[in-house]
Amino acid sequence: MVSRKTYALSSGALLLFLILGNALTGITPIGIHEDCKDGIDNSFAPLPGDGDIDAEDDQCVQYPFEDGNGEFDTPSEQRYTGDSYASLASYHIEYAADPLDTVCTALAFTTYVQPSDIDEAQAYADENGGCVGGGP
């Protein structure tokens, strides 16, 4: 028979594991909207749209997150209302046809609001020749 002490210890460990698991799953960042990474111009019906695909579309460059409107404009009052977001700088670097130009433009127009995005974008620009005329 299992002693009460062993049962209490294993129950406590299980409870701690569940609490930590729930706490960590609650910080999943809001990801990138499907329209902004699917390789299709989703801007206007009927397709094809405005000719800009994913990170080349102004609306995706400005706000590509799942809680936004993808390749359609997301009003500024509806932006950044969640707790945590995927990196906008990483999105620009991964999906833009010319990542350096996109990053430099975003830096110049203060598109990045998260300090980590600013740091990542600046580091990318520095590692890739810097911003010429379009950014810091």
N, C-alpha and C. Protein backbone atom coordinates (compact mmCIF):
# COMPACT_ATOMS: atom_id res chain seq x y z
N MET A 1 0.83 -1.17 0.00
CA MET A 1 0.00 0.00 0.00
C MET A 1 0.89 1.25 0.00
N VAL A 2 0.47 2.27 -0.72
CA VAL A 2 1.23 3.50 -0.82
C VAL A 2 0.98 4.35 0.43
N SER A 3 2.06 4.85 1.00
CA SER A 3 1.90 5.66 2.20
C SER A 3 1.31 7.02 1.85
N ARG A 4 0.71 7.64 2.84
CA ARG A 4 0.10 8.96 2.64
C ARG A 4 1.14 10.00 2.27
N LYS A 5 2.33 9.87 2.81
CA LYS A 5 3.41 10.82 2.54
C LYS A 5 3.81 10.75 1.05
N THR A 6 3.94 9.55 0.52
CA THR A 6 4.30 9.38 -0.89
C THR A 6 3.20 9.92 -1.78
N TYR A 7 1.94 9.62 -1.42
CA TYR A 7 0.79 10.10 -2.18
C TYR A 7 0.75 11.63 -2.19
N ALA A 8 0.96 12.24 -1.05
CA ALA A 8 0.93 13.70 -0.94
C ALA A 8 2.05 14.34 -1.76
N LEU A 9 3.23 13.73 -1.72
CA LEU A 9 4.37 14.26 -2.47
C LEU A 9 4.13 14.17 -3.98
N SER A 10 3.65 13.03 -4.45
CA SER A 10 3.40 12.89 -5.89
C SER A 10 2.23 13.77 -6.34
N SER A 11 1.22 13.92 -5.51
CA SER A 11 0.10 14.80 -5.84
C SER A 11 0.55 16.26 -5.91
N GLY A 12 1.41 16.64 -4.99
CA GLY A 12 1.94 18.01 -4.99
C GLY A 12 2.78 18.29 -6.23
N ALA A 13 3.60 17.32 -6.62
CA ALA A 13 4.43 17.48 -7.82
C ALA A 13 3.55 17.59 -9.07
N LEU A 14 2.51 16.76 -9.14
CA LEU A 14 1.60 16.81 -10.28
C LEU A 14 0.87 18.16 -10.33
N LEU A 15 0.43 18.64 -9.20
CA LEU A 15 -0.26 19.92 -9.14
C LEU A 15 0.67 21.06 -9.58
N LEU A 16 1.91 21.04 -9.13
CA LEU A 16 2.88 22.05 -9.52
C LEU A 16 3.12 22.00 -11.02
N PHE A 17 3.25 20.79 -11.58
CA PHE A 17 3.45 20.62 -13.01
C PHE A 17 2.27 21.20 -13.80
N LEU A 18 1.06 20.94 -13.36
CA LEU A 18 -0.13 21.46 -14.05
C LEU A 18 -0.20 22.98 -13.98
N ILE A 19 0.12 23.53 -12.84
CA ILE A 19 0.10 25.00 -12.69
C ILE A 19 1.12 25.64 -13.60
N LEU A 20 2.35 25.11 -13.62
CA LEU A 20 3.39 25.66 -14.50
C LEU A 20 3.01 25.49 -15.96
N GLY A 21 2.45 24.34 -16.31
CA GLY A 21 2.04 24.10 -17.69
C GLY A 21 0.98 25.09 -18.14
N ASN A 22 0.00 25.35 -17.29
CA ASN A 22 -1.05 26.32 -17.62
C ASN A 22 -0.48 27.73 -17.73
N ALA A 23 0.44 28.07 -16.87
CA ALA A 23 1.04 29.41 -16.91
C ALA A 23 1.82 29.62 -18.19
N LEU A 24 2.57 28.62 -18.61
CA LEU A 24 3.39 28.76 -19.81
C LEU A 24 2.57 28.75 -21.09
N THR A 25 1.47 28.02 -21.13
CA THR A 25 0.66 28.01 -22.34
C THR A 25 -0.13 29.30 -22.50
N GLY A 26 -0.28 30.07 -21.48
CA GLY A 26 -1.02 31.31 -21.55
C GLY A 26 -0.25 32.44 -22.22
N ILE A 27 1.03 32.24 -22.54
CA ILE A 27 1.82 33.32 -23.13
C ILE A 27 2.16 33.07 -24.60
N THR A 28 1.37 32.26 -25.27
CA THR A 28 1.59 32.01 -26.69
C THR A 28 1.37 33.32 -27.45
N PRO A 29 2.36 33.78 -28.20
CA PRO A 29 2.18 35.03 -28.91
C PRO A 29 1.18 34.92 -30.06
N ILE A 30 0.53 36.03 -30.35
CA ILE A 30 -0.37 36.10 -31.50
C ILE A 30 0.50 36.03 -32.74
N GLY A 31 0.18 35.12 -33.62
CA GLY A 31 1.00 34.86 -34.80
C GLY A 31 0.66 35.76 -35.99
N ILE A 32 1.16 35.35 -37.15
CA ILE A 32 1.00 36.09 -38.39
C ILE A 32 -0.29 35.65 -39.08
N HIS A 33 -1.06 36.61 -39.59
CA HIS A 33 -2.31 36.35 -40.32
C HIS A 33 -2.01 35.53 -41.57
N GLU A 34 -2.85 34.56 -41.86
CA GLU A 34 -2.65 33.68 -43.02
C GLU A 34 -2.54 34.47 -44.33
N ASP A 35 -3.32 35.54 -44.49
CA ASP A 35 -3.26 36.37 -45.71
C ASP A 35 -1.87 36.96 -45.93
N CYS A 36 -1.12 37.13 -44.86
CA CYS A 36 0.18 37.79 -44.94
C CYS A 36 1.35 36.82 -45.11
N LYS A 37 1.04 35.53 -45.30
CA LYS A 37 2.12 34.56 -45.49
C LYS A 37 1.75 33.44 -46.45
N ASP A 38 0.64 33.57 -47.17
CA ASP A 38 0.18 32.46 -48.01
C ASP A 38 0.65 32.52 -49.46
N GLY A 39 1.39 33.58 -49.84
CA GLY A 39 1.89 33.69 -51.21
C GLY A 39 0.85 34.09 -52.23
N ILE A 40 -0.29 34.58 -51.78
CA ILE A 40 -1.39 34.97 -52.67
C ILE A 40 -1.74 36.44 -52.41
N ASP A 41 -2.13 37.14 -53.45
CA ASP A 41 -2.61 38.51 -53.29
C ASP A 41 -4.09 38.43 -52.90
N ASN A 42 -4.38 38.66 -51.64
CA ASN A 42 -5.74 38.55 -51.11
C ASN A 42 -6.45 39.90 -50.99
N SER A 43 -5.88 40.96 -51.54
CA SER A 43 -6.36 42.30 -51.23
C SER A 43 -7.77 42.64 -51.70
N PHE A 44 -8.10 42.32 -52.92
CA PHE A 44 -9.40 42.74 -53.43
C PHE A 44 -10.05 41.60 -54.20
N ALA A 45 -11.35 41.51 -54.08
CA ALA A 45 -12.08 40.52 -54.88
C ALA A 45 -12.57 41.21 -56.15
N PRO A 46 -12.66 40.59 -57.29
CA PRO A 46 -12.14 39.24 -57.50
C PRO A 46 -10.62 39.28 -57.65
N LEU A 47 -10.02 38.15 -57.33
CA LEU A 47 -8.57 38.05 -57.45
C LEU A 47 -8.20 38.12 -58.92
N PRO A 48 -7.08 38.62 -59.37
CA PRO A 48 -6.02 39.11 -58.50
C PRO A 48 -6.33 40.48 -57.93
N GLY A 49 -5.67 40.81 -56.87
CA GLY A 49 -5.91 42.07 -56.16
C GLY A 49 -5.03 43.19 -56.64
N ASP A 50 -4.37 43.86 -55.69
CA ASP A 50 -3.57 45.04 -56.02
C ASP A 50 -2.17 44.72 -56.50
N GLY A 51 -1.83 43.45 -56.59
CA GLY A 51 -0.51 43.05 -57.08
C GLY A 51 0.54 42.88 -56.00
N ASP A 52 0.21 43.23 -54.77
CA ASP A 52 1.16 43.10 -53.66
C ASP A 52 0.86 41.82 -52.89
N ILE A 53 1.90 41.02 -52.69
CA ILE A 53 1.74 39.73 -52.03
C ILE A 53 2.44 39.76 -50.68
N ASP A 54 1.72 39.33 -49.66
CA ASP A 54 2.25 39.12 -48.32
C ASP A 54 3.03 40.34 -47.81
N ALA A 55 4.31 40.19 -47.55
CA ALA A 55 5.09 41.27 -46.94
C ALA A 55 5.35 42.43 -47.89
N GLU A 56 4.87 42.34 -49.12
CA GLU A 56 4.96 43.48 -50.04
C GLU A 56 3.69 44.32 -49.97
N ASP A 57 2.66 43.80 -49.35
CA ASP A 57 1.39 44.50 -49.20
C ASP A 57 1.49 45.47 -48.03
N ASP A 58 1.15 46.73 -48.24
CA ASP A 58 1.30 47.74 -47.19
C ASP A 58 0.59 47.35 -45.88
N GLN A 59 -0.59 46.76 -45.99
CA GLN A 59 -1.33 46.40 -44.78
C GLN A 59 -0.62 45.30 -43.99
N CYS A 60 0.01 44.36 -44.69
CA CYS A 60 0.77 43.31 -43.99
C CYS A 60 2.07 43.86 -43.41
N VAL A 61 2.68 44.79 -44.11
CA VAL A 61 3.91 45.40 -43.58
C VAL A 61 3.59 46.13 -42.28
N GLN A 62 2.47 46.84 -42.25
CA GLN A 62 2.10 47.63 -41.08
C GLN A 62 1.61 46.77 -39.91
N TYR A 63 0.74 45.77 -40.22
CA TYR A 63 0.15 44.97 -39.13
C TYR A 63 -0.24 43.58 -39.65
N PRO A 64 0.70 42.63 -39.63
CA PRO A 64 0.44 41.31 -40.21
C PRO A 64 -0.13 40.27 -39.24
N PHE A 65 -0.58 40.67 -38.08
CA PHE A 65 -0.93 39.72 -37.04
C PHE A 65 -2.32 39.12 -37.19
N GLU A 66 -2.52 37.94 -36.59
CA GLU A 66 -3.77 37.19 -36.71
C GLU A 66 -4.98 37.96 -36.20
N ASP A 67 -4.81 38.86 -35.27
CA ASP A 67 -5.95 39.61 -34.76
C ASP A 67 -6.26 40.85 -35.61
N GLY A 68 -5.56 40.97 -36.74
CA GLY A 68 -5.82 42.06 -37.67
C GLY A 68 -6.58 41.57 -38.89
N ASN A 69 -6.56 42.36 -39.95
CA ASN A 69 -7.34 42.07 -41.14
C ASN A 69 -6.50 41.60 -42.32
N GLY A 70 -5.31 41.11 -42.08
CA GLY A 70 -4.48 40.58 -43.16
C GLY A 70 -4.12 41.64 -44.18
N GLU A 71 -4.38 41.35 -45.45
CA GLU A 71 -4.04 42.28 -46.52
C GLU A 71 -5.06 43.41 -46.66
N PHE A 72 -5.98 43.50 -45.72
CA PHE A 72 -6.91 44.63 -45.65
C PHE A 72 -6.52 45.47 -44.44
N ASP A 73 -6.83 46.75 -44.46
CA ASP A 73 -6.40 47.67 -43.41
C ASP A 73 -6.95 47.29 -42.04
N THR A 74 -6.09 47.34 -41.04
CA THR A 74 -6.49 47.16 -39.65
C THR A 74 -6.40 48.54 -38.99
N PRO A 75 -7.54 49.10 -38.57
CA PRO A 75 -7.51 50.43 -37.93
C PRO A 75 -6.56 50.44 -36.72
N SER A 76 -5.89 51.57 -36.52
CA SER A 76 -4.89 51.66 -35.46
C SER A 76 -5.45 51.36 -34.07
N GLU A 77 -6.71 51.69 -33.81
CA GLU A 77 -7.28 51.43 -32.49
C GLU A 77 -7.51 49.94 -32.24
N GLN A 78 -7.45 49.13 -33.30
CA GLN A 78 -7.62 47.68 -33.15
C GLN A 78 -6.28 46.94 -33.10
N ARG A 79 -5.18 47.66 -33.16
CA ARG A 79 -3.86 47.04 -33.19
C ARG A 79 -3.29 46.89 -31.78
N TYR A 80 -2.51 45.85 -31.61
CA TYR A 80 -1.79 45.57 -30.36
C TYR A 80 -2.70 45.59 -29.14
N THR A 81 -3.80 44.87 -29.22
CA THR A 81 -4.71 44.77 -28.08
C THR A 81 -4.51 43.46 -27.31
N GLY A 82 -3.66 42.57 -27.83
CA GLY A 82 -3.38 41.29 -27.16
C GLY A 82 -2.24 41.42 -26.18
N ASP A 83 -1.90 40.30 -25.56
CA ASP A 83 -0.86 40.29 -24.54
C ASP A 83 0.54 40.13 -25.12
N SER A 84 0.67 39.35 -26.19
CA SER A 84 1.99 39.03 -26.73
C SER A 84 1.88 38.81 -28.23
N TYR A 85 2.87 39.29 -28.96
CA TYR A 85 2.84 39.20 -30.42
C TYR A 85 4.11 38.58 -30.96
N ALA A 86 3.98 37.88 -32.09
CA ALA A 86 5.15 37.38 -32.81
C ALA A 86 5.97 38.59 -33.25
N SER A 87 7.22 38.36 -33.58
CA SER A 87 8.11 39.45 -33.95
C SER A 87 7.78 40.01 -35.33
N LEU A 88 7.48 41.30 -35.39
CA LEU A 88 7.21 41.97 -36.66
C LEU A 88 8.49 42.06 -37.48
N ALA A 89 9.61 42.30 -36.83
CA ALA A 89 10.89 42.36 -37.55
C ALA A 89 11.21 41.00 -38.17
N SER A 90 10.99 39.93 -37.44
CA SER A 90 11.23 38.59 -37.98
C SER A 90 10.35 38.33 -39.19
N TYR A 91 9.10 38.76 -39.11
CA TYR A 91 8.18 38.61 -40.25
C TYR A 91 8.73 39.35 -41.48
N HIS A 92 9.15 40.59 -41.30
CA HIS A 92 9.70 41.36 -42.42
C HIS A 92 10.94 40.68 -43.00
N ILE A 93 11.80 40.19 -42.14
CA ILE A 93 13.04 39.55 -42.59
C ILE A 93 12.74 38.25 -43.35
N GLU A 94 11.76 37.50 -42.88
CA GLU A 94 11.47 36.20 -43.49
C GLU A 94 10.64 36.31 -44.78
N TYR A 95 9.68 37.23 -44.83
CA TYR A 95 8.71 37.22 -45.93
C TYR A 95 8.90 38.32 -46.98
N ALA A 96 9.61 39.37 -46.69
CA ALA A 96 9.76 40.46 -47.66
C ALA A 96 10.68 40.05 -48.81
N ALA A 97 10.35 40.54 -50.01
CA ALA A 97 11.20 40.27 -51.17
C ALA A 97 12.56 40.94 -50.99
N ASP A 98 12.57 42.13 -50.40
CA ASP A 98 13.81 42.84 -50.10
C ASP A 98 13.79 43.17 -48.60
N PRO A 99 14.21 42.20 -47.77
CA PRO A 99 14.11 42.40 -46.32
C PRO A 99 14.83 43.64 -45.81
N LEU A 100 16.00 43.94 -46.34
CA LEU A 100 16.74 45.11 -45.84
C LEU A 100 15.96 46.39 -46.10
N ASP A 101 15.41 46.54 -47.29
CA ASP A 101 14.62 47.73 -47.60
C ASP A 101 13.37 47.81 -46.71
N THR A 102 12.70 46.69 -46.52
CA THR A 102 11.50 46.66 -45.69
C THR A 102 11.82 47.01 -44.25
N VAL A 103 12.90 46.43 -43.72
CA VAL A 103 13.31 46.70 -42.35
C VAL A 103 13.72 48.16 -42.19
N CYS A 104 14.49 48.67 -43.14
CA CYS A 104 14.94 50.08 -43.06
C CYS A 104 13.75 51.04 -43.13
N THR A 105 12.80 50.74 -44.00
CA THR A 105 11.60 51.58 -44.10
C THR A 105 10.82 51.54 -42.80
N ALA A 106 10.66 50.34 -42.23
CA ALA A 106 9.94 50.20 -40.97
C ALA A 106 10.65 50.95 -39.84
N LEU A 107 11.98 50.91 -39.83
CA LEU A 107 12.73 51.67 -38.82
C LEU A 107 12.54 53.17 -39.02
N ALA A 108 12.59 53.61 -40.27
CA ALA A 108 12.48 55.04 -40.56
C ALA A 108 11.10 55.59 -40.20
N PHE A 109 10.06 54.78 -40.41
CA PHE A 109 8.69 55.24 -40.15
C PHE A 109 8.17 54.76 -38.80
N THR A 110 9.05 54.33 -37.93
CA THR A 110 8.74 53.85 -36.58
C THR A 110 7.57 52.86 -36.56
N THR A 111 7.62 51.91 -37.47
CA THR A 111 6.60 50.86 -37.54
C THR A 111 6.72 49.91 -36.36
N TYR A 112 7.95 49.70 -35.90
CA TYR A 112 8.17 48.77 -34.79
C TYR A 112 7.84 49.45 -33.47
N VAL A 113 6.97 48.81 -32.68
CA VAL A 113 6.60 49.38 -31.39
C VAL A 113 7.21 48.59 -30.23
N GLN A 114 7.62 47.36 -30.49
CA GLN A 114 8.23 46.54 -29.45
C GLN A 114 9.74 46.78 -29.45
N PRO A 115 10.34 47.06 -28.30
CA PRO A 115 11.80 47.27 -28.25
C PRO A 115 12.59 46.11 -28.85
N SER A 116 12.10 44.89 -28.65
CA SER A 116 12.81 43.72 -29.20
C SER A 116 12.79 43.74 -30.73
N ASP A 117 11.70 44.22 -31.33
CA ASP A 117 11.63 44.36 -32.79
C ASP A 117 12.61 45.41 -33.29
N ILE A 118 12.70 46.52 -32.58
CA ILE A 118 13.63 47.58 -32.97
C ILE A 118 15.06 47.06 -32.92
N ASP A 119 15.39 46.36 -31.84
CA ASP A 119 16.75 45.80 -31.70
C ASP A 119 17.05 44.78 -32.79
N GLU A 120 16.09 43.88 -33.05
CA GLU A 120 16.29 42.85 -34.08
C GLU A 120 16.44 43.47 -35.47
N ALA A 121 15.60 44.46 -35.77
CA ALA A 121 15.66 45.12 -37.08
C ALA A 121 16.97 45.89 -37.24
N GLN A 122 17.38 46.59 -36.20
CA GLN A 122 18.62 47.35 -36.28
C GLN A 122 19.81 46.43 -36.45
N ALA A 123 19.81 45.31 -35.73
CA ALA A 123 20.90 44.34 -35.86
C ALA A 123 20.93 43.74 -37.26
N TYR A 124 19.76 43.43 -37.81
CA TYR A 124 19.68 42.89 -39.18
C TYR A 124 20.22 43.91 -40.18
N ALA A 125 19.80 45.15 -40.04
CA ALA A 125 20.27 46.21 -40.94
C ALA A 125 21.78 46.36 -40.84
N ASP A 126 22.30 46.39 -39.64
CA ASP A 126 23.75 46.54 -39.44
C ASP A 126 24.53 45.38 -40.06
N GLU A 127 24.00 44.17 -39.92
CA GLU A 127 24.67 42.98 -40.45
C GLU A 127 24.60 42.89 -41.97
N ASN A 128 23.68 43.65 -42.58
CA ASN A 128 23.46 43.55 -44.02
C ASN A 128 23.75 44.83 -44.77
N GLY A 129 24.66 45.61 -44.27
CA GLY A 129 25.10 46.81 -44.98
C GLY A 129 24.50 48.11 -44.51
N GLY A 130 23.55 48.04 -43.60
CA GLY A 130 22.96 49.27 -43.06
C GLY A 130 21.88 49.85 -43.94
N CYS A 131 21.20 50.83 -43.41
CA CYS A 131 20.14 51.53 -44.12
C CYS A 131 20.73 52.76 -44.81
N VAL A 132 20.44 52.85 -46.09
CA VAL A 132 20.95 54.00 -46.87
C VAL A 132 19.77 54.90 -47.21
N GLY A 133 19.68 56.03 -46.55
CA GLY A 133 18.65 57.02 -46.85
C GLY A 133 17.26 56.67 -46.35
N GLY A 134 16.97 55.39 -46.04
CA GLY A 134 15.62 55.02 -45.64
C GLY A 134 15.45 54.79 -44.17
N GLY A 135 16.52 54.68 -43.43
CA GLY A 135 16.40 54.38 -42.02
C GLY A 135 17.56 54.93 -41.23
N PRO A 136 17.64 54.55 -39.95
CA PRO A 136 18.68 55.07 -39.08
C PRO A 136 20.08 54.69 -39.49
